[in-house]
N, C-alpha and C. Protein backbone atom coordinates (compact mmCIF):
# COMPACT_ATOMS: atom_id res chain seq x y z
N UNK A 1 -57.06 70.34 262.13
CA UNK A 1 -57.60 71.32 263.60
C UNK A 1 -58.90 70.69 264.48
N UNK A 2 -58.44 70.81 265.75
CA UNK A 2 -59.43 70.05 266.61
C UNK A 2 -60.60 71.48 266.69
N UNK A 3 -62.05 70.28 266.90
CA UNK A 3 -62.78 71.42 267.40
C UNK A 3 -63.39 70.98 268.35
N UNK A 4 -63.58 72.19 269.44
CA UNK A 4 -64.20 71.87 270.81
C UNK A 4 -65.67 72.79 270.83
N UNK A 5 -66.93 72.08 271.05
CA UNK A 5 -67.80 72.27 271.08
C UNK A 5 -68.74 72.62 272.59
N UNK A 6 -69.06 73.44 273.35
CA UNK A 6 -69.56 73.66 274.63
C UNK A 6 -70.97 73.27 274.69
N UNK A 7 -71.02 72.58 275.57
CA UNK A 7 -72.53 71.82 275.83
C UNK A 7 -73.40 73.11 277.06
N UNK A 8 -74.22 73.70 276.40
CA UNK A 8 -74.72 75.07 277.12
C UNK A 8 -75.74 74.27 278.16
N UNK A 9 -76.62 73.82 277.39
CA UNK A 9 -77.92 72.83 278.14
C UNK A 9 -77.95 71.30 277.73
N UNK A 10 -77.32 70.69 278.62
CA UNK A 10 -76.91 68.95 278.12
C UNK A 10 -78.65 68.26 278.01
N UNK A 11 -80.01 68.83 278.66
CA UNK A 11 -80.88 68.27 278.47
C UNK A 11 -81.54 68.84 276.81
N UNK A 12 -80.53 69.47 275.99
CA UNK A 12 -81.02 70.23 274.47
C UNK A 12 -81.04 68.98 273.59
N UNK A 13 -81.59 69.16 272.24
CA UNK A 13 -81.53 68.08 271.19
C UNK A 13 -79.76 68.59 270.86
N UNK A 14 -79.92 67.16 270.32
CA UNK A 14 -78.05 67.08 270.09
C UNK A 14 -78.06 67.44 268.32
N UNK A 15 -76.90 67.77 268.01
CA UNK A 15 -76.97 67.97 266.41
C UNK A 15 -75.25 67.10 266.09
N UNK A 16 -75.19 67.07 264.73
CA UNK A 16 -74.29 66.62 264.04
C UNK A 16 -73.18 67.70 264.11
N UNK A 17 -72.13 68.13 264.16
CA UNK A 17 -71.25 68.93 263.40
C UNK A 17 -70.13 68.16 262.90
N UNK A 18 -70.08 68.97 261.27
CA UNK A 18 -68.96 68.05 260.18
C UNK A 18 -67.95 69.00 260.26
N UNK A 19 -66.79 68.67 260.55
CA UNK A 19 -65.47 69.72 260.68
C UNK A 19 -64.62 68.92 259.10
N UNK A 20 -64.20 69.98 258.29
CA UNK A 20 -63.95 69.47 256.67
C UNK A 20 -62.68 70.48 256.86
N UNK A 21 -61.48 69.60 256.91
CA UNK A 21 -60.12 70.44 256.53
C UNK A 21 -59.76 70.29 254.94
N UNK A 22 -59.89 71.27 253.90
CA UNK A 22 -58.84 71.44 252.70
C UNK A 22 -57.61 71.66 252.84
N UNK A 23 -56.77 71.42 252.12
CA UNK A 23 -55.65 72.15 251.77
C UNK A 23 -54.96 71.31 250.40
N UNK A 24 -53.95 72.59 249.93
CA UNK A 24 -53.52 72.54 248.49
C UNK A 24 -54.52 72.88 247.64
N UNK A 25 -55.48 73.39 247.68
CA UNK A 25 -56.58 74.13 246.98
C UNK A 25 -56.34 75.63 246.38
N UNK A 26 -57.22 75.02 245.15
CA UNK A 26 -56.97 76.74 244.08
C UNK A 26 -58.29 77.49 243.98
N UNK A 27 -58.38 77.71 244.40
CA UNK A 27 -59.76 79.15 244.03
C UNK A 27 -59.94 80.26 242.98
N UNK A 28 -61.09 79.75 242.44
CA UNK A 28 -61.03 81.22 241.12
C UNK A 28 -62.45 81.27 240.89
N UNK A 29 -63.04 82.01 239.81
CA UNK A 29 -64.31 82.19 238.86
C UNK A 29 -64.94 80.49 239.16
N UNK A 30 -66.18 80.48 239.18
CA UNK A 30 -66.73 79.02 239.27
C UNK A 30 -67.06 78.92 237.69
N UNK A 31 -66.75 77.41 237.76
CA UNK A 31 -67.04 77.21 236.27
C UNK A 31 -68.37 77.19 235.78
N UNK A 32 -68.70 77.43 234.63
CA UNK A 32 -69.97 77.73 234.13
C UNK A 32 -70.96 76.71 234.64
N UNK A 33 -70.70 75.62 234.94
CA UNK A 33 -71.48 74.49 234.79
C UNK A 33 -72.30 75.07 236.81
N UNK A 34 -71.29 75.34 237.80
CA UNK A 34 -71.73 75.88 238.92
C UNK A 34 -72.28 76.47 238.94
N UNK A 35 -71.96 77.95 237.67
CA UNK A 35 -72.73 78.92 238.04
C UNK A 35 -74.56 78.50 237.58
N UNK A 36 -74.49 78.08 236.52
CA UNK A 36 -75.51 77.84 235.66
C UNK A 36 -76.75 76.68 236.79
N UNK A 37 -76.35 76.06 237.63
CA UNK A 37 -76.55 74.95 238.94
C UNK A 37 -77.12 76.30 240.22
N UNK A 38 -76.31 76.93 240.46
CA UNK A 38 -76.69 77.71 240.90
C UNK A 38 -77.88 78.59 241.03
N UNK A 39 -77.61 79.52 239.70
CA UNK A 39 -79.07 79.88 239.03
C UNK A 39 -80.04 79.64 238.91
N UNK A 40 -80.18 78.14 238.19
CA UNK A 40 -81.08 77.38 237.85
C UNK A 40 -81.79 76.88 239.42
N UNK A 41 -81.12 76.50 240.68
CA UNK A 41 -81.56 76.28 241.66
C UNK A 41 -82.49 77.59 242.42
N UNK A 42 -81.85 78.56 242.23
CA UNK A 42 -82.32 79.80 242.88
C UNK A 42 -83.73 79.97 242.39
N UNK A 43 -83.87 79.65 240.93
CA UNK A 43 -84.82 80.24 240.28
C UNK A 43 -86.20 79.07 240.93
N UNK A 44 -85.16 77.95 241.18
CA UNK A 44 -86.95 76.85 241.41
C UNK A 44 -87.24 76.73 242.71
N UNK A 45 -86.44 77.34 243.51
CA UNK A 45 -86.47 78.02 244.98
C UNK A 45 -87.44 78.98 245.44
N UNK A 46 -87.35 79.85 244.15
CA UNK A 46 -88.77 81.02 244.18
C UNK A 46 -89.27 80.81 243.78
N UNK A 47 -89.95 79.57 242.84
CA UNK A 47 -91.42 79.12 242.49
C UNK A 47 -91.78 78.19 243.72
N UNK A 48 -91.16 77.53 244.43
CA UNK A 48 -91.00 76.80 245.30
C UNK A 48 -92.02 77.53 246.97
N UNK A 49 -91.09 78.61 246.94
CA UNK A 49 -91.27 79.14 248.02
C UNK A 49 -91.69 80.73 248.08
N UNK A 50 -92.42 81.02 246.97
CA UNK A 50 -92.63 82.67 246.82
C UNK A 50 -93.87 82.98 247.67
N UNK A 51 -94.69 81.81 248.08
CA UNK A 51 -95.67 82.02 248.57
C UNK A 51 -96.03 81.61 250.27
N UNK A 52 -95.02 80.91 250.28
CA UNK A 52 -94.88 80.79 251.75
C UNK A 52 -94.00 81.56 252.72
N UNK A 53 -94.53 81.17 253.78
CA UNK A 53 -93.29 81.89 255.05
C UNK A 53 -93.04 80.97 255.51
N UNK A 54 -91.32 81.51 255.43
CA UNK A 54 -90.03 80.27 255.51
C UNK A 54 -89.68 80.13 256.57
N UNK A 55 -90.40 80.54 257.90
CA UNK A 55 -90.28 79.98 259.23
C UNK A 55 -91.32 78.86 259.72
N UNK A 56 -92.21 78.73 258.36
CA UNK A 56 -93.04 77.76 258.50
C UNK A 56 -92.91 76.46 257.90
N UNK A 57 -92.03 76.36 257.07
CA UNK A 57 -91.11 75.38 256.24
C UNK A 57 -90.43 74.46 257.21
N UNK A 58 -91.10 73.27 257.46
CA UNK A 58 -90.26 72.20 258.57
C UNK A 58 -88.66 72.09 258.96
N UNK A 59 -88.01 72.10 257.77
CA UNK A 59 -86.64 72.28 257.90
C UNK A 59 -86.19 73.18 258.33
N UNK A 60 -86.65 74.38 257.86
CA UNK A 60 -86.44 75.90 258.46
C UNK A 60 -86.85 75.99 260.18
N UNK A 61 -87.91 75.41 259.98
CA UNK A 61 -88.43 75.79 261.70
C UNK A 61 -87.74 75.08 262.47
N UNK A 62 -87.00 73.43 262.31
CA UNK A 62 -86.00 72.89 263.19
C UNK A 62 -85.12 73.97 263.40
N UNK A 63 -84.57 74.31 262.45
CA UNK A 63 -83.68 75.27 262.92
C UNK A 63 -83.86 76.48 263.65
N UNK A 64 -85.01 76.99 263.51
CA UNK A 64 -84.85 78.23 264.11
C UNK A 64 -85.61 78.05 265.61
N UNK A 65 -86.22 76.96 265.71
CA UNK A 65 -86.52 76.24 267.34
C UNK A 65 -85.33 76.03 267.86
N UNK A 66 -83.99 76.12 267.33
CA UNK A 66 -83.05 75.51 267.90
C UNK A 66 -81.49 76.92 268.12
N UNK A 67 -81.67 77.32 266.99
CA UNK A 67 -80.98 78.75 266.96
C UNK A 67 -81.27 80.05 266.19
N UNK A 68 -80.50 81.41 266.44
CA UNK A 68 -81.04 82.37 266.02
C UNK A 68 -79.47 82.58 265.07
N UNK A 69 -79.88 83.39 264.06
CA UNK A 69 -79.01 84.12 262.83
C UNK A 69 -78.52 82.74 262.25
N UNK A 70 -79.81 82.17 261.38
CA UNK A 70 -79.52 80.86 260.64
C UNK A 70 -79.41 81.66 259.19
N UNK A 71 -77.72 80.82 259.02
CA UNK A 71 -76.88 81.89 257.63
C UNK A 71 -77.85 81.92 256.47
N UNK A 72 -78.45 80.63 255.73
CA UNK A 72 -79.30 80.60 255.18
C UNK A 72 -80.87 81.06 254.73
N UNK A 73 -81.11 81.39 255.93
CA UNK A 73 -82.31 82.26 255.94
C UNK A 73 -82.20 83.83 255.19
N UNK A 74 -81.40 84.27 255.70
CA UNK A 74 -81.48 85.76 254.65
C UNK A 74 -81.61 85.63 253.00
N UNK A 75 -80.53 84.78 253.08
CA UNK A 75 -80.27 84.19 251.59
C UNK A 75 -81.73 83.66 250.81
N UNK A 76 -82.35 82.84 251.24
CA UNK A 76 -83.58 82.61 251.06
C UNK A 76 -84.89 83.57 251.05
N UNK A 77 -84.52 84.62 251.92
CA UNK A 77 -85.59 85.64 251.92
C UNK A 77 -85.50 86.41 250.52
N UNK A 78 -84.12 86.62 250.34
CA UNK A 78 -84.11 87.67 249.22
C UNK A 78 -84.62 86.66 247.89
N UNK A 79 -84.08 85.40 247.99
CA UNK A 79 -84.42 84.56 246.77
C UNK A 79 -85.93 84.52 246.55
N UNK A 80 -86.68 84.61 247.55
CA UNK A 80 -88.47 84.79 247.84
C UNK A 80 -89.00 86.13 247.15
N UNK A 81 -87.58 87.15 247.10
CA UNK A 81 -87.97 88.68 246.40
C UNK A 81 -87.63 88.43 244.94
N UNK A 82 -87.00 87.36 244.66
CA UNK A 82 -86.37 87.02 243.11
C UNK A 82 -85.26 88.02 243.49
N UNK A 83 -84.35 88.27 244.37
CA UNK A 83 -83.32 88.69 244.31
C UNK A 83 -82.33 87.70 244.46
N UNK A 84 -81.62 87.75 243.08
CA UNK A 84 -80.79 86.11 243.16
C UNK A 84 -79.48 86.50 243.75
N UNK A 85 -78.82 85.64 244.30
CA UNK A 85 -77.30 85.56 244.43
C UNK A 85 -76.40 85.27 243.14
N UNK A 86 -76.06 86.23 243.01
CA UNK A 86 -74.68 86.75 241.98
C UNK A 86 -73.49 85.57 242.25
N UNK A 87 -72.55 85.36 241.58
CA UNK A 87 -71.48 84.26 241.36
C UNK A 87 -70.29 85.10 242.24
N UNK A 88 -69.78 84.73 243.19
CA UNK A 88 -68.62 85.02 243.96
C UNK A 88 -67.50 84.73 243.20
N UNK A 89 -67.24 83.22 243.95
CA UNK A 89 -65.72 82.36 243.61
C UNK A 89 -66.63 81.13 243.91
N UNK A 90 -65.41 79.93 243.44
CA UNK A 90 -66.14 78.56 243.53
C UNK A 90 -66.25 78.43 244.99
N UNK A 91 -65.65 78.60 245.45
CA UNK A 91 -66.00 78.13 247.01
C UNK A 91 -67.35 78.78 247.42
N UNK A 92 -67.47 80.25 247.60
CA UNK A 92 -68.76 80.39 248.04
C UNK A 92 -69.94 80.08 247.24
N UNK A 93 -69.49 79.94 246.18
CA UNK A 93 -71.14 79.50 245.30
C UNK A 93 -71.27 78.04 245.71
N UNK A 94 -70.22 77.28 245.99
CA UNK A 94 -70.81 75.84 246.17
C UNK A 94 -70.82 75.43 247.29
N UNK A 95 -70.89 76.82 248.42
CA UNK A 95 -71.03 76.58 249.82
C UNK A 95 -72.59 77.07 250.02
N UNK A 96 -72.94 78.10 249.17
CA UNK A 96 -74.21 78.37 249.23
C UNK A 96 -75.32 77.73 248.29
N UNK A 97 -74.71 76.88 247.44
CA UNK A 97 -75.85 75.82 246.46
C UNK A 97 -75.96 74.63 247.64
N UNK A 98 -74.77 73.97 248.28
CA UNK A 98 -75.18 73.13 249.26
C UNK A 98 -76.19 73.12 250.61
N UNK A 99 -75.56 74.54 250.93
CA UNK A 99 -76.37 75.18 252.08
C UNK A 99 -77.77 75.42 251.89
N UNK A 100 -78.25 75.80 250.35
CA UNK A 100 -79.22 76.09 250.17
C UNK A 100 -80.44 74.57 249.70
N UNK A 101 -79.73 73.90 249.32
CA UNK A 101 -79.95 72.89 248.88
C UNK A 101 -80.70 71.86 250.11
N UNK A 102 -79.52 71.79 251.24
CA UNK A 102 -80.14 70.78 252.44
C UNK A 102 -80.46 71.41 253.63
N UNK A 103 -80.69 72.85 253.37
CA UNK A 103 -80.69 74.02 254.47
C UNK A 103 -79.91 73.52 255.94
N UNK A 104 -78.29 73.52 255.49
CA UNK A 104 -77.56 73.35 256.15
C UNK A 104 -77.17 74.66 256.50
N UNK A 105 -76.80 75.28 257.96
CA UNK A 105 -75.49 76.19 258.22
C UNK A 105 -74.01 75.95 258.18
N UNK A 106 -73.41 76.69 257.00
CA UNK A 106 -71.90 76.21 256.53
C UNK A 106 -70.93 77.48 256.90
N UNK A 107 -69.92 77.05 257.72
CA UNK A 107 -68.99 78.31 257.85
C UNK A 107 -68.21 77.70 257.33
N UNK A 108 -67.19 78.48 256.42
CA UNK A 108 -65.95 78.66 255.43
C UNK A 108 -65.13 79.45 256.03
N UNK A 109 -63.75 79.05 256.78
CA UNK A 109 -63.07 80.01 257.05
C UNK A 109 -61.70 79.83 256.54
N UNK A 110 -60.65 80.66 256.47
CA UNK A 110 -59.41 80.38 255.88
C UNK A 110 -58.24 80.00 257.08
N UNK A 111 -58.16 78.51 256.86
CA UNK A 111 -57.24 77.77 257.77
C UNK A 111 -55.94 78.35 258.19
N UNK A 112 -55.28 78.95 257.11
CA UNK A 112 -53.91 79.46 257.47
C UNK A 112 -54.15 80.89 258.60
N UNK A 113 -55.31 81.24 258.76
CA UNK A 113 -55.37 82.42 259.76
C UNK A 113 -56.07 82.23 261.12
N UNK A 114 -56.06 80.67 261.10
CA UNK A 114 -56.62 79.81 262.53
C UNK A 114 -55.60 79.78 263.28
N UNK A 115 -55.45 79.99 264.19
CA UNK A 115 -54.54 79.15 265.58
C UNK A 115 -55.18 78.23 266.52
N UNK A 116 -54.67 77.18 266.70
CA UNK A 116 -55.15 76.25 267.55
C UNK A 116 -56.80 75.68 267.63
N UNK A 117 -57.09 75.05 268.34
CA UNK A 117 -58.31 74.44 268.54
C UNK A 117 -59.32 75.42 268.15
N UNK A 118 -60.17 75.15 267.52
CA UNK A 118 -61.51 75.87 267.97
C UNK A 118 -62.39 75.42 268.07
N UNK A 119 -62.99 76.53 269.16
CA UNK A 119 -64.53 76.28 269.93
C UNK A 119 -65.53 76.62 269.00
N UNK A 120 -66.75 76.00 269.13
CA UNK A 120 -68.04 76.63 268.96
C UNK A 120 -69.23 76.46 270.08
N UNK A 121 -69.95 77.68 270.41
CA UNK A 121 -70.77 77.64 271.81
C UNK A 121 -71.37 78.38 270.75
N UNK A 122 -73.39 78.39 271.94
CA UNK A 122 -74.18 79.01 271.76
C UNK A 122 -73.96 79.93 272.61
N UNK A 123 -74.24 81.33 272.15
CA UNK A 123 -74.05 82.44 273.50
C UNK A 123 -75.65 82.60 273.90
N UNK A 124 -75.81 83.54 274.78
CA UNK A 124 -77.00 84.02 275.45
C UNK A 124 -78.13 84.47 274.48
N UNK A 125 -77.98 85.07 272.86
CA UNK A 125 -79.01 85.33 272.24
C UNK A 125 -78.98 84.23 271.42
N UNK A 126 -78.57 83.30 271.81
CA UNK A 126 -78.94 81.71 270.59
C UNK A 126 -77.97 81.64 269.50
N UNK A 127 -77.44 82.45 269.41
CA UNK A 127 -76.00 82.72 268.27
C UNK A 127 -75.18 81.26 268.07
N UNK A 128 -74.75 80.93 267.48
CA UNK A 128 -73.58 80.12 267.37
C UNK A 128 -72.27 81.14 267.25
N UNK A 129 -71.41 81.24 267.99
CA UNK A 129 -70.10 81.53 267.61
C UNK A 129 -69.03 80.82 267.87
N UNK A 130 -67.93 81.33 267.38
CA UNK A 130 -66.22 80.28 267.17
C UNK A 130 -65.59 80.88 267.71
N UNK A 131 -64.66 80.61 268.06
CA UNK A 131 -63.35 81.58 268.82
C UNK A 131 -61.73 80.36 268.18
N UNK A 132 -60.64 80.94 268.14
CA UNK A 132 -59.46 80.00 267.86
C UNK A 132 -58.82 79.80 269.14
N UNK A 133 -57.78 79.12 269.00
CA UNK A 133 -56.91 79.70 269.92
C UNK A 133 -56.30 81.02 270.68
N UNK A 134 -56.28 81.64 269.75
CA UNK A 134 -55.48 83.32 269.83
C UNK A 134 -56.71 84.49 269.83
N UNK A 135 -57.84 83.85 269.94
CA UNK A 135 -58.93 84.48 270.27
C UNK A 135 -59.82 85.24 269.36
N UNK A 136 -59.48 84.90 267.93
CA UNK A 136 -60.29 85.66 266.91
C UNK A 136 -61.43 84.59 266.69
N UNK A 137 -62.88 85.41 266.45
CA UNK A 137 -63.63 84.72 266.88
C UNK A 137 -64.56 86.07 265.92
N UNK A 138 -65.68 84.91 265.78
CA UNK A 138 -67.13 85.77 265.36
C UNK A 138 -68.01 84.75 265.29
N UNK A 139 -69.18 85.21 264.66
CA UNK A 139 -70.60 84.56 264.44
C UNK A 139 -70.63 83.57 263.31
N UNK A 140 -71.38 82.39 263.34
CA UNK A 140 -71.22 81.46 262.21
C UNK A 140 -72.27 82.15 261.41
N UNK A 141 -72.90 83.27 261.46
CA UNK A 141 -73.98 83.74 260.52
C UNK A 141 -73.35 84.96 259.67
N UNK A 142 -71.77 85.55 260.07
CA UNK A 142 -71.36 86.62 259.65
C UNK A 142 -70.18 86.64 259.12
N UNK A 143 -69.33 87.43 257.87
CA UNK A 143 -68.39 86.99 257.44
C UNK A 143 -67.40 87.26 258.84
N UNK A 144 -65.70 87.06 258.72
CA UNK A 144 -64.96 87.35 259.70
C UNK A 144 -63.52 87.77 259.02
N UNK A 145 -62.65 87.83 259.84
CA UNK A 145 -61.43 87.86 259.65
C UNK A 145 -60.58 87.05 259.05
N UNK A 146 -61.54 85.59 259.32
CA UNK A 146 -60.64 84.70 258.67
C UNK A 146 -61.38 84.48 257.12
N UNK A 147 -62.08 85.30 256.71
CA UNK A 147 -62.86 84.86 255.69
C UNK A 147 -61.83 84.35 254.47
N UNK A 148 -62.19 83.79 253.49
CA UNK A 148 -61.55 83.24 252.32
C UNK A 148 -60.90 84.33 251.51
N UNK A 149 -60.38 84.16 250.57
CA UNK A 149 -60.14 85.21 249.51
C UNK A 149 -59.28 84.30 248.39
N UNK A 150 -59.29 84.87 247.49
CA UNK A 150 -58.23 84.29 245.88
C UNK A 150 -57.37 83.57 246.22
N UNK A 151 -56.29 83.95 247.12
CA UNK A 151 -55.24 83.28 247.70
C UNK A 151 -55.24 82.61 248.52
N UNK A 152 -56.29 82.17 248.97
CA UNK A 152 -56.68 80.58 250.26
C UNK A 152 -56.12 79.79 249.85
N UNK A 153 -55.25 78.85 250.43
CA UNK A 153 -54.93 77.26 250.35
C UNK A 153 -55.40 76.18 250.73
N UNK A 154 -55.94 76.81 252.15
CA UNK A 154 -56.22 75.93 252.86
C UNK A 154 -57.69 76.08 253.29
N UNK A 155 -58.69 75.21 254.05
CA UNK A 155 -59.98 76.00 254.03
C UNK A 155 -60.43 74.67 255.53
N UNK A 156 -60.62 75.47 256.68
CA UNK A 156 -61.50 74.49 257.50
C UNK A 156 -63.01 75.26 257.02
N UNK A 157 -64.07 74.15 257.23
CA UNK A 157 -65.34 74.35 256.75
C UNK A 157 -66.08 73.33 258.09
N UNK A 158 -66.66 74.34 258.13
CA UNK A 158 -68.10 73.59 259.61
C UNK A 158 -69.38 73.47 259.23
N UNK A 159 -70.19 72.16 259.24
CA UNK A 159 -71.36 71.83 258.78
C UNK A 159 -72.00 71.55 260.05
N UNK A 160 -73.46 72.78 260.36
CA UNK A 160 -74.13 71.99 261.20
C UNK A 160 -75.19 70.97 260.84
N UNK A 161 -75.48 69.93 261.13
CA UNK A 161 -76.58 69.32 260.83
C UNK A 161 -77.65 68.88 262.06
N UNK A 162 -78.79 69.21 261.36
CA UNK A 162 -80.07 69.28 262.71
C UNK A 162 -80.11 67.98 263.36
N UNK A 163 -80.91 67.55 264.27
CA UNK A 163 -81.17 66.39 264.68
C UNK A 163 -82.01 65.28 263.84
N UNK A 164 -82.87 66.10 263.11
CA UNK A 164 -83.65 65.23 262.59
C UNK A 164 -82.37 64.41 261.29
N UNK A 165 -81.43 64.87 260.77
CA UNK A 165 -80.50 63.99 260.20
C UNK A 165 -79.71 63.03 261.12
N UNK A 166 -79.52 61.96 260.32
CA UNK A 166 -79.09 60.97 260.86
C UNK A 166 -77.41 61.10 261.21
N UNK A 167 -76.62 60.34 261.78
CA UNK A 167 -75.21 60.39 261.55
C UNK A 167 -75.24 59.75 259.89
N UNK A 168 -75.74 58.85 260.01
CA UNK A 168 -75.15 58.04 258.62
C UNK A 168 -75.69 59.10 257.29
N UNK A 169 -76.48 59.89 257.58
CA UNK A 169 -76.93 60.89 256.20
C UNK A 169 -76.30 62.25 256.43
N UNK A 170 -75.77 62.33 257.70
CA UNK A 170 -74.54 63.56 257.83
C UNK A 170 -73.23 63.34 257.19
N UNK A 171 -73.13 62.05 257.38
CA UNK A 171 -71.73 61.56 256.71
C UNK A 171 -71.60 61.61 255.18
N UNK A 172 -72.74 61.20 254.83
CA UNK A 172 -73.43 60.63 253.46
C UNK A 172 -73.67 62.55 252.75
N UNK A 173 -73.98 63.22 253.12
CA UNK A 173 -73.63 64.28 252.67
C UNK A 173 -72.27 64.98 252.93
N UNK A 174 -71.78 64.87 253.79
CA UNK A 174 -70.18 65.78 253.88
C UNK A 174 -69.12 65.07 252.49
N UNK A 175 -69.62 63.68 252.39
CA UNK A 175 -68.56 63.20 251.33
C UNK A 175 -69.26 63.62 249.83
N UNK A 176 -70.49 63.97 250.09
CA UNK A 176 -70.94 64.51 248.54
C UNK A 176 -70.60 66.16 248.32
N UNK A 177 -70.40 66.10 249.66
CA UNK A 177 -69.65 68.27 249.41
C UNK A 177 -68.45 67.64 248.98
N UNK A 178 -67.66 67.21 249.62
CA UNK A 178 -65.57 67.03 249.55
C UNK A 178 -65.96 66.15 248.58
N UNK A 179 -66.20 65.35 247.52
CA UNK A 179 -66.21 65.22 246.19
C UNK A 179 -66.45 66.41 245.21
N UNK A 180 -67.59 67.08 245.52
CA UNK A 180 -67.94 68.38 244.44
C UNK A 180 -66.77 69.25 244.83
N UNK A 181 -66.37 69.50 245.97
CA UNK A 181 -65.09 70.18 246.18
C UNK A 181 -64.03 70.11 245.55
N UNK A 182 -63.65 68.99 245.75
CA UNK A 182 -61.81 68.52 244.98
C UNK A 182 -62.29 68.51 244.21
N UNK A 183 -63.23 68.20 242.95
CA UNK A 183 -63.30 68.17 241.86
C UNK A 183 -63.56 69.55 240.83
N UNK A 184 -63.81 70.51 241.77
CA UNK A 184 -63.61 71.77 241.19
C UNK A 184 -62.28 72.69 241.66
N UNK A 185 -61.78 72.49 243.30
CA UNK A 185 -60.67 72.75 243.56
C UNK A 185 -59.39 72.43 243.72
N UNK A 186 -59.35 70.79 243.13
CA UNK A 186 -58.30 70.33 243.77
C UNK A 186 -57.87 69.85 245.19
N UNK A 187 -56.69 69.60 245.45
CA UNK A 187 -56.23 69.13 246.54
C UNK A 187 -56.81 68.28 247.57
N UNK A 188 -56.80 68.10 248.80
CA UNK A 188 -56.99 67.05 249.65
C UNK A 188 -57.89 67.30 250.51
N UNK A 189 -58.31 66.83 251.14
CA UNK A 189 -59.52 66.93 252.13
C UNK A 189 -59.93 65.51 253.37
N UNK A 190 -59.76 66.14 254.47
CA UNK A 190 -60.30 64.93 255.47
C UNK A 190 -61.40 65.59 256.25
N UNK A 191 -62.18 64.62 257.12
CA UNK A 191 -63.41 65.43 257.77
C UNK A 191 -63.40 64.52 258.90
N UNK A 192 -64.07 65.07 259.90
CA UNK A 192 -64.59 64.37 261.08
C UNK A 192 -65.94 64.89 261.67
N UNK A 193 -66.52 63.76 262.19
CA UNK A 193 -68.30 63.98 262.51
C UNK A 193 -68.26 64.15 263.96
N UNK A 194 -68.68 65.15 265.01
CA UNK A 194 -69.22 65.05 266.20
C UNK A 194 -70.52 65.10 266.47
N UNK A 195 -70.82 64.67 267.42
CA UNK A 195 -72.31 64.91 267.93
C UNK A 195 -72.11 65.81 269.50
N UNK A 196 -72.96 66.89 269.51
CA UNK A 196 -72.65 67.57 270.41
C UNK A 196 -74.26 68.01 270.72
N UNK A 197 -74.66 68.47 272.43
CA UNK A 197 -75.65 68.94 272.45
C UNK A 197 -75.90 70.23 272.77
N UNK A 198 -76.97 71.30 271.80
CA UNK A 198 -77.03 72.90 271.86
C UNK A 198 -77.48 73.29 273.58
């Protein structure tokens, strides 16, 4: 599936957009290893950020200067209050872990529910919106009609990388995520990395 990203302000900073397509996967409960890592990582984040203003953390501030509705920010705010995220399924747990570890917005959709090319754009309020060829749409930061379920066999995952992360580093992080994903869910993956201005 091809991603089109509209450039709203050509003079704005460029970000890298990673598109990963997974096929023939099996989604289930997270293995104990992933559950344990997610829990321990949340505890370490709590101790690291409990007395900090999240919006002043450099890696977070870079995003809040660019966009509204950063998906991982409410999760961090809950962790800061020692309200840890419970395990849901293997895909969501891995996506949350990776998003929090590297402070990256990640959108995960059921690819079989999408039609035609997917377009991303920054709307007037500063949120990233997505829309497919059949006008199924949503915000990057919210659940949608194309959200995954236990029956999902194909996934489209979109990752946004900030200007401070190079193309080489972005690609290395995508490869790290896809390796972990395939180890847990089986199947096959392919990815593409594009650079666009916000």
